[in-house]
């Protein structure tokens, strides 16, 4: 869901695969299991995004991509990504940004769940207040720290995606046997036409075969 969130500029739902991996989903209903959520941390349901099918429409592409390129980035990203993988210098940078973002998101979720779970368990077990306060305060601070890190890594990953598009969009046009545009205005018109052709089957794009 992180790529969809970055491209759309909103918090995207979690697909059933990710939801099942968290062990908090009712597999038959493909929805969060209330009993599992409450057992993990009270009020957790309000903090989680909804679960939606993998082919759900999240929303329109973020304005940056539309205004900059005039294209639906979701349509051309597989081609951009394939070209980036051939670059031995750039692709590790893109993968590193993705890995950092994944790690910070996972740590934020785990710390939040474990802090709430342990704090609740300690409270019910009626242990000493210093132990309860230490777990609650330190766990909350660690969760907030990784949350801030997640936000920072999200911006870094989005910047890497933008760089990939900037670097390889013309290579993608060449691979599609399409002449390169003469200027930025012509490029926007070209990507809009390619988007219309792919999304609606209407439009005209000239191909130049070798």
C-alpha atoms as a PDB file:
ATOM      1  CA  UNK A   1       0.000   0.000   0.000  1.00  0.00           C
ATOM      2  CA  UNK A   2       2.981   2.350   0.426  1.00  0.00           C
ATOM      3  CA  UNK A   3       3.558   2.793  -3.343  1.00  0.00           C
ATOM      4  CA  UNK A   4      -0.139   3.493  -3.891  1.00  0.00           C
ATOM      5  CA  UNK A   5      -0.058   5.995  -1.013  1.00  0.00           C
ATOM      6  CA  UNK A   6       2.978   7.759  -2.467  1.00  0.00           C
ATOM      7  CA  UNK A   7       1.564   7.926  -5.987  1.00  0.00           C
ATOM      8  CA  UNK A   8      -1.917   9.015  -4.894  1.00  0.00           C
ATOM      9  CA  UNK A   9      -0.749  11.329  -2.113  1.00  0.00           C
ATOM     10  CA  UNK A  10      -3.214   9.803   0.392  1.00  0.00           C
ATOM     11  CA  UNK A  11      -3.192   6.946   2.899  1.00  0.00           C
ATOM     12  CA  UNK A  12      -4.125   3.882   0.845  1.00  0.00           C
ATOM     13  CA  UNK A  13      -6.027   0.897   2.301  1.00  0.00           C
ATOM     14  CA  UNK A  14      -4.166  -2.308   3.171  1.00  0.00           C
ATOM     15  CA  UNK A  15      -4.625  -5.212   0.785  1.00  0.00           C
ATOM     16  CA  UNK A  16      -5.663  -8.642   2.180  1.00  0.00           C
ATOM     17  CA  UNK A  17      -2.157 -10.066   1.763  1.00  0.00           C
ATOM     18  CA  UNK A  18      -0.599  -7.477   4.071  1.00  0.00           C
ATOM     19  CA  UNK A  19      -3.544  -7.661   6.442  1.00  0.00           C
ATOM     20  CA  UNK A  20      -3.230 -11.440   6.786  1.00  0.00           C
ATOM     21  CA  UNK A  21       0.493 -11.095   7.454  1.00  0.00           C
ATOM     22  CA  UNK A  22      -0.276  -8.966  10.515  1.00  0.00           C
ATOM     23  CA  UNK A  23      -2.313 -11.841  12.025  1.00  0.00           C
ATOM     24  CA  UNK A  24      -5.130  -9.415  12.798  1.00  0.00           C
ATOM     25  CA  UNK A  25      -7.441 -10.162   9.862  1.00  0.00           C
ATOM     26  CA  UNK A  26     -10.460 -12.433   9.641  1.00  0.00           C
ATOM     27  CA  UNK A  27      -9.402 -14.387   6.549  1.00  0.00           C
ATOM     28  CA  UNK A  28     -12.947 -15.473   5.658  1.00  0.00           C
ATOM     29  CA  UNK A  29     -14.424 -11.974   5.884  1.00  0.00           C
ATOM     30  CA  UNK A  30     -11.231 -10.209   4.688  1.00  0.00           C
ATOM     31  CA  UNK A  31     -11.740  -7.584   7.385  1.00  0.00           C
ATOM     32  CA  UNK A  32     -10.042  -6.772  10.669  1.00  0.00           C
ATOM     33  CA  UNK A  33     -10.964  -9.263  13.395  1.00  0.00           C
ATOM     34  CA  UNK A  34     -12.386  -7.221  16.319  1.00  0.00           C
ATOM     35  CA  UNK A  35     -11.378  -9.817  18.917  1.00  0.00           C
ATOM     36  CA  UNK A  36      -7.753  -9.881  17.693  1.00  0.00           C
ATOM     37  CA  UNK A  37      -7.574  -6.076  17.621  1.00  0.00           C
ATOM     38  CA  UNK A  38      -8.913  -5.667  21.146  1.00  0.00           C
ATOM     39  CA  UNK A  39      -6.660  -8.420  22.460  1.00  0.00           C
ATOM     40  CA  UNK A  40      -3.650  -6.667  20.938  1.00  0.00           C
ATOM     41  CA  UNK A  41      -4.411  -3.083  21.981  1.00  0.00           C
ATOM     42  CA  UNK A  42      -7.633  -1.290  22.946  1.00  0.00           C
ATOM     43  CA  UNK A  43      -8.651   1.220  20.292  1.00  0.00           C
ATOM     44  CA  UNK A  44      -6.335  -0.290  17.658  1.00  0.00           C
ATOM     45  CA  UNK A  45      -9.169  -0.539  15.112  1.00  0.00           C
ATOM     46  CA  UNK A  46      -9.387   3.254  14.905  1.00  0.00           C
ATOM     47  CA  UNK A  47      -5.678   3.509  14.085  1.00  0.00           C
ATOM     48  CA  UNK A  48      -5.585   1.012  11.208  1.00  0.00           C
ATOM     49  CA  UNK A  49      -6.593   1.743   7.599  1.00  0.00           C
ATOM     50  CA  UNK A  50      -9.375  -0.367   6.081  1.00  0.00           C
ATOM     51  CA  UNK A  51      -8.689  -3.581   4.176  1.00  0.00           C
ATOM     52  CA  UNK A  52      -9.558  -3.446   0.493  1.00  0.00           C
ATOM     53  CA  UNK A  53      -9.041  -5.755  -2.530  1.00  0.00           C
ATOM     54  CA  UNK A  54      -5.690  -5.391  -4.286  1.00  0.00           C
ATOM     55  CA  UNK A  55      -7.374  -4.071  -7.439  1.00  0.00           C
ATOM     56  CA  UNK A  56      -9.296  -1.318  -5.622  1.00  0.00           C
ATOM     57  CA  UNK A  57      -9.070   2.233  -6.945  1.00  0.00           C
ATOM     58  CA  UNK A  58      -7.341   4.343  -4.296  1.00  0.00           C
ATOM     59  CA  UNK A  59      -7.884   7.692  -5.993  1.00  0.00           C
ATOM     60  CA  UNK A  60      -6.401   9.953  -8.653  1.00  0.00           C
ATOM     61  CA  UNK A  61      -2.659  10.305  -9.091  1.00  0.00           C
ATOM     62  CA  UNK A  62      -1.068  12.988  -6.905  1.00  0.00           C
ATOM     63  CA  UNK A  63      -1.081  16.416  -8.553  1.00  0.00           C
ATOM     64  CA  UNK A  64       2.701  16.565  -8.821  1.00  0.00           C
ATOM     65  CA  UNK A  65       2.898  13.697 -11.301  1.00  0.00           C
ATOM     66  CA  UNK A  66      -0.085  14.871 -13.329  1.00  0.00           C
ATOM     67  CA  UNK A  67       1.065  18.494 -13.502  1.00  0.00           C
ATOM     68  CA  UNK A  68       4.715  17.646 -14.174  1.00  0.00           C
ATOM     69  CA  UNK A  69       4.292  14.913 -16.779  1.00  0.00           C
ATOM     70  CA  UNK A  70       0.641  14.848 -17.783  1.00  0.00           C
ATOM     71  CA  UNK A  71       0.734  11.068 -17.300  1.00  0.00           C
ATOM     72  CA  UNK A  72      -0.778   8.370 -15.163  1.00  0.00           C
ATOM     73  CA  UNK A  73       2.394   7.246 -13.406  1.00  0.00           C
ATOM     74  CA  UNK A  74       0.804   3.957 -12.346  1.00  0.00           C
ATOM     75  CA  UNK A  75       0.606   2.972 -16.016  1.00  0.00           C
ATOM     76  CA  UNK A  76       4.217   3.757 -16.873  1.00  0.00           C
ATOM     77  CA  UNK A  77       5.865   2.826 -13.561  1.00  0.00           C
ATOM     78  CA  UNK A  78       6.354  -0.883 -14.426  1.00  0.00           C
ATOM     79  CA  UNK A  79       8.326   0.185 -17.503  1.00  0.00           C
ATOM     80  CA  UNK A  80      10.287   2.793 -15.554  1.00  0.00           C
ATOM     81  CA  UNK A  81      11.075   0.268 -12.845  1.00  0.00           C
ATOM     82  CA  UNK A  82      12.246  -2.315 -15.401  1.00  0.00           C
ATOM     83  CA  UNK A  83      14.614   0.219 -16.942  1.00  0.00           C
ATOM     84  CA  UNK A  84      15.882   1.333 -13.534  1.00  0.00           C
ATOM     85  CA  UNK A  85      16.746  -2.258 -12.628  1.00  0.00           C
ATOM     86  CA  UNK A  86      19.298  -2.279 -15.444  1.00  0.00           C
ATOM     87  CA  UNK A  87      21.156   0.653 -13.883  1.00  0.00           C
ATOM     88  CA  UNK A  88      23.658  -0.864 -11.460  1.00  0.00           C
ATOM     89  CA  UNK A  89      24.299   2.503  -9.815  1.00  0.00           C
ATOM     90  CA  UNK A  90      20.803   3.953  -9.461  1.00  0.00           C
ATOM     91  CA  UNK A  91      18.657   0.903  -8.705  1.00  0.00           C
ATOM     92  CA  UNK A  92      20.424   0.056  -5.408  1.00  0.00           C
ATOM     93  CA  UNK A  93      19.629   3.626  -4.299  1.00  0.00           C
ATOM     94  CA  UNK A  94      15.947   3.114  -5.118  1.00  0.00           C
ATOM     95  CA  UNK A  95      15.881  -0.262  -3.351  1.00  0.00           C
ATOM     96  CA  UNK A  96      17.687   1.184  -0.317  1.00  0.00           C
ATOM     97  CA  UNK A  97      15.105   3.968  -0.016  1.00  0.00           C
ATOM     98  CA  UNK A  98      12.302   1.396  -0.258  1.00  0.00           C
ATOM     99  CA  UNK A  99      13.933  -0.868   2.345  1.00  0.00           C
ATOM    100  CA  UNK A 100      14.391   2.022   4.807  1.00  0.00           C
ATOM    101  CA  UNK A 101      10.764   3.022   4.368  1.00  0.00           C
ATOM    102  CA  UNK A 102       9.533  -0.565   4.830  1.00  0.00           C
ATOM    103  CA  UNK A 103      11.653  -1.005   7.953  1.00  0.00           C
ATOM    104  CA  UNK A 104      10.528   2.230   9.604  1.00  0.00           C
ATOM    105  CA  UNK A 105       6.849   1.486   8.884  1.00  0.00           C
ATOM    106  CA  UNK A 106       7.176  -2.041  10.281  1.00  0.00           C
ATOM    107  CA  UNK A 107       8.973  -0.828  13.400  1.00  0.00           C
ATOM    108  CA  UNK A 108       6.367   1.884  14.010  1.00  0.00           C
ATOM    109  CA  UNK A 109       3.535  -0.664  13.813  1.00  0.00           C
ATOM    110  CA  UNK A 110       5.317  -3.250  15.950  1.00  0.00           C
ATOM    111  CA  UNK A 111       6.366  -0.790  18.644  1.00  0.00           C
ATOM    112  CA  UNK A 112       2.878   0.690  18.797  1.00  0.00           C
ATOM    113  CA  UNK A 113       1.208  -2.700  19.103  1.00  0.00           C
ATOM    114  CA  UNK A 114       3.696  -4.094  21.631  1.00  0.00           C
ATOM    115  CA  UNK A 115       3.694  -0.937  23.752  1.00  0.00           C
ATOM    116  CA  UNK A 116      -0.088  -0.950  23.963  1.00  0.00           C
ATOM    117  CA  UNK A 117      -0.166  -4.691  24.583  1.00  0.00           C
ATOM    118  CA  UNK A 118       2.472  -4.734  27.299  1.00  0.00           C
ATOM    119  CA  UNK A 119       1.094  -1.614  28.984  1.00  0.00           C
ATOM    120  CA  UNK A 120      -2.349  -3.233  29.124  1.00  0.00           C
ATOM    121  CA  UNK A 121      -0.916  -6.520  30.392  1.00  0.00           C
ATOM    122  CA  UNK A 122       1.127  -4.797  33.104  1.00  0.00           C
ATOM    123  CA  UNK A 123      -1.860  -2.746  34.166  1.00  0.00           C
ATOM    124  CA  UNK A 124      -4.078  -5.827  34.446  1.00  0.00           C
ATOM    125  CA  UNK A 125      -1.337  -7.727  36.283  1.00  0.00           C
ATOM    126  CA  UNK A 126      -1.132  -4.871  38.793  1.00  0.00           C
ATOM    127  CA  UNK A 127       2.652  -4.667  38.664  1.00  0.00           C
ATOM    128  CA  UNK A 128       4.557  -1.767  40.181  1.00  0.00           C
ATOM    129  CA  UNK A 129       3.764   1.648  38.751  1.00  0.00           C
ATOM    130  CA  UNK A 130       7.418   2.407  37.821  1.00  0.00           C
ATOM    131  CA  UNK A 131       7.477  -0.624  35.478  1.00  0.00           C
ATOM    132  CA  UNK A 132       4.150   0.372  33.909  1.00  0.00           C
ATOM    133  CA  UNK A 133       5.255   3.992  33.420  1.00  0.00           C
ATOM    134  CA  UNK A 134       8.645   2.954  32.009  1.00  0.00           C
ATOM    135  CA  UNK A 135       7.083   0.658  29.403  1.00  0.00           C
ATOM    136  CA  UNK A 136       4.367   3.165  28.496  1.00  0.00           C
ATOM    137  CA  UNK A 137       6.632   6.210  28.227  1.00  0.00           C
ATOM    138  CA  UNK A 138       9.650   4.586  26.587  1.00  0.00           C
ATOM    139  CA  UNK A 139       7.475   2.552  24.214  1.00  0.00           C
ATOM    140  CA  UNK A 140       5.471   5.621  23.190  1.00  0.00           C
ATOM    141  CA  UNK A 141       8.626   7.683  22.633  1.00  0.00           C
ATOM    142  CA  UNK A 142      10.159   4.909  20.510  1.00  0.00           C
ATOM    143  CA  UNK A 143       6.951   4.619  18.477  1.00  0.00           C
ATOM    144  CA  UNK A 144       6.847   8.367  17.852  1.00  0.00           C
ATOM    145  CA  UNK A 145      10.525   8.359  16.884  1.00  0.00           C
ATOM    146  CA  UNK A 146       9.997   5.654  14.270  1.00  0.00           C
ATOM    147  CA  UNK A 147       6.831   7.399  13.069  1.00  0.00           C
ATOM    148  CA  UNK A 148       8.805  10.567  12.382  1.00  0.00           C
ATOM    149  CA  UNK A 149      11.463   8.438  10.699  1.00  0.00           C
ATOM    150  CA  UNK A 150       8.749   6.833   8.552  1.00  0.00           C
ATOM    151  CA  UNK A 151       7.547  10.235   7.384  1.00  0.00           C
ATOM    152  CA  UNK A 152      11.083  11.256   6.499  1.00  0.00           C
ATOM    153  CA  UNK A 153      11.724   7.974   4.666  1.00  0.00           C
ATOM    154  CA  UNK A 154       8.430   8.348   2.802  1.00  0.00           C
ATOM    155  CA  UNK A 155       9.592  11.699   1.411  1.00  0.00           C
ATOM    156  CA  UNK A 156      12.972  10.163   0.522  1.00  0.00           C
ATOM    157  CA  UNK A 157      11.340   7.219  -1.268  1.00  0.00           C
ATOM    158  CA  UNK A 158       8.993   9.521  -3.156  1.00  0.00           C
ATOM    159  CA  UNK A 159      12.003  11.592  -4.230  1.00  0.00           C
ATOM    160  CA  UNK A 160      13.645   8.406  -5.508  1.00  0.00           C
ATOM    161  CA  UNK A 161      10.538   7.580  -7.535  1.00  0.00           C
ATOM    162  CA  UNK A 162      10.560  11.078  -9.025  1.00  0.00           C
ATOM    163  CA  UNK A 163      14.233  10.696  -9.895  1.00  0.00           C
ATOM    164  CA  UNK A 164      13.560   7.379 -11.602  1.00  0.00           C
ATOM    165  CA  UNK A 165      10.839   8.943 -13.738  1.00  0.00           C
ATOM    166  CA  UNK A 166      13.077  11.894 -14.595  1.00  0.00           C
ATOM    167  CA  UNK A 167      15.951   9.607 -15.586  1.00  0.00           C
ATOM    168  CA  UNK A 168      14.159   6.908 -17.570  1.00  0.00           C
ATOM    169  CA  UNK A 169      10.960   8.320 -19.041  1.00  0.00           C
ATOM    170  CA  UNK A 170      12.631   9.108 -22.364  1.00  0.00           C
ATOM    171  CA  UNK A 171      14.246   5.663 -22.436  1.00  0.00           C
ATOM    172  CA  UNK A 172      10.746   4.248 -21.995  1.00  0.00           C
ATOM    173  CA  UNK A 173       9.506   6.254 -24.977  1.00  0.00           C
ATOM    174  CA  UNK A 174      12.393   4.918 -27.052  1.00  0.00           C
ATOM    175  CA  UNK A 175      11.573   1.361 -25.971  1.00  0.00           C
ATOM    176  CA  UNK A 176       7.956   2.003 -27.079  1.00  0.00           C
ATOM    177  CA  UNK A 177       9.261   3.213 -30.494  1.00  0.00           C
ATOM    178  CA  UNK A 178       7.864   6.708 -29.960  1.00  0.00           C
ATOM    179  CA  UNK A 179       9.731   9.833 -31.082  1.00  0.00           C
ATOM    180  CA  UNK A 180      10.952  12.066 -28.273  1.00  0.00           C
ATOM    181  CA  UNK A 181       8.999  15.309 -27.774  1.00  0.00           C
ATOM    182  CA  UNK A 182      10.629  18.606 -28.699  1.00  0.00           C
ATOM    183  CA  UNK A 183       9.749  20.468 -25.486  1.00  0.00           C
ATOM    184  CA  UNK A 184       7.993  20.139 -22.122  1.00  0.00           C
ATOM    185  CA  UNK A 185       4.590  21.149 -23.520  1.00  0.00           C
ATOM    186  CA  UNK A 186       4.833  18.556 -26.273  1.00  0.00           C
ATOM    187  CA  UNK A 187       5.904  15.973 -23.698  1.00  0.00           C
ATOM    188  CA  UNK A 188       2.805  16.584 -21.569  1.00  0.00           C
ATOM    189  CA  UNK A 189       0.576  16.264 -24.624  1.00  0.00           C
ATOM    190  CA  UNK A 190       2.315  13.023 -25.585  1.00  0.00           C
ATOM    191  CA  UNK A 191       1.977  11.416 -22.142  1.00  0.00           C
ATOM    192  CA  UNK A 192      -1.667  12.516 -21.943  1.00  0.00           C
ATOM    193  CA  UNK A 193      -2.321  10.852 -25.291  1.00  0.00           C
ATOM    194  CA  UNK A 194      -0.543   7.674 -24.182  1.00  0.00           C
ATOM    195  CA  UNK A 195      -2.588   7.677 -20.964  1.00  0.00           C
ATOM    196  CA  UNK A 196      -5.882   8.107 -22.870  1.00  0.00           C
ATOM    197  CA  UNK A 197      -4.920   5.288 -25.217  1.00  0.00           C
ATOM    198  CA  UNK A 198      -4.062   2.915 -22.358  1.00  0.00           C
ATOM    199  CA  UNK A 199      -6.961   3.807 -20.067  1.00  0.00           C
ATOM    200  CA  UNK A 200      -9.794   4.329 -22.560  1.00  0.00           C
ATOM    201  CA  UNK A 201      -8.565   2.895 -25.858  1.00  0.00           C
ATOM    202  CA  UNK A 202      -8.967   6.241 -27.576  1.00  0.00           C
ATOM    203  CA  UNK A 203      -6.326   8.586 -28.901  1.00  0.00           C
ATOM    204  CA  UNK A 204      -3.557   8.418 -31.445  1.00  0.00           C
ATOM    205  CA  UNK A 205       0.133   7.780 -30.865  1.00  0.00           C
ATOM    206  CA  UNK A 206       2.665   7.514 -33.701  1.00  0.00           C
ATOM    207  CA  UNK A 207       5.107   4.634 -33.449  1.00  0.00           C
ATOM    208  CA  UNK A 208       8.459   4.667 -35.226  1.00  0.00           C
ATOM    209  CA  UNK A 209       9.616   1.143 -35.972  1.00  0.00           C
ATOM    210  CA  UNK A 210      13.294   0.405 -36.695  1.00  0.00           C
END
